[in-house]
Amino acid sequence: MATEASSKIERNRNNMKNKEQVDDAALINEADELFSIQSKRAACMSKGIQGETDQYRIGGNYYDEYQSKLNAFKQKYGI
């Protein structure tokens, strides 16, 4: 399950990089960081499901970080 979730995140990341062909390194790096946070969160949630319940808390922190950075990203780029 974890591999499948991570694979979807990576596949979406790669698709966006290839389709958009954005020539803005800062924007690309910021979007990559958002994908990275989601990948880390998915890994934590997977570990939580497997019994490492403390990973849910860590994953929740990634959720909060993601939401904060996503909101800043949207505001910066007018999305």
Foldseek 3Di string as FASTA:
>chain_A
DLVVQLVVLVVVLVVCCVPVVDPDVVLNVLVVVLSVLVNQLSVLVVVCVVPPVVSPVVSVVSVVVSVVSVVVSCVVVVD
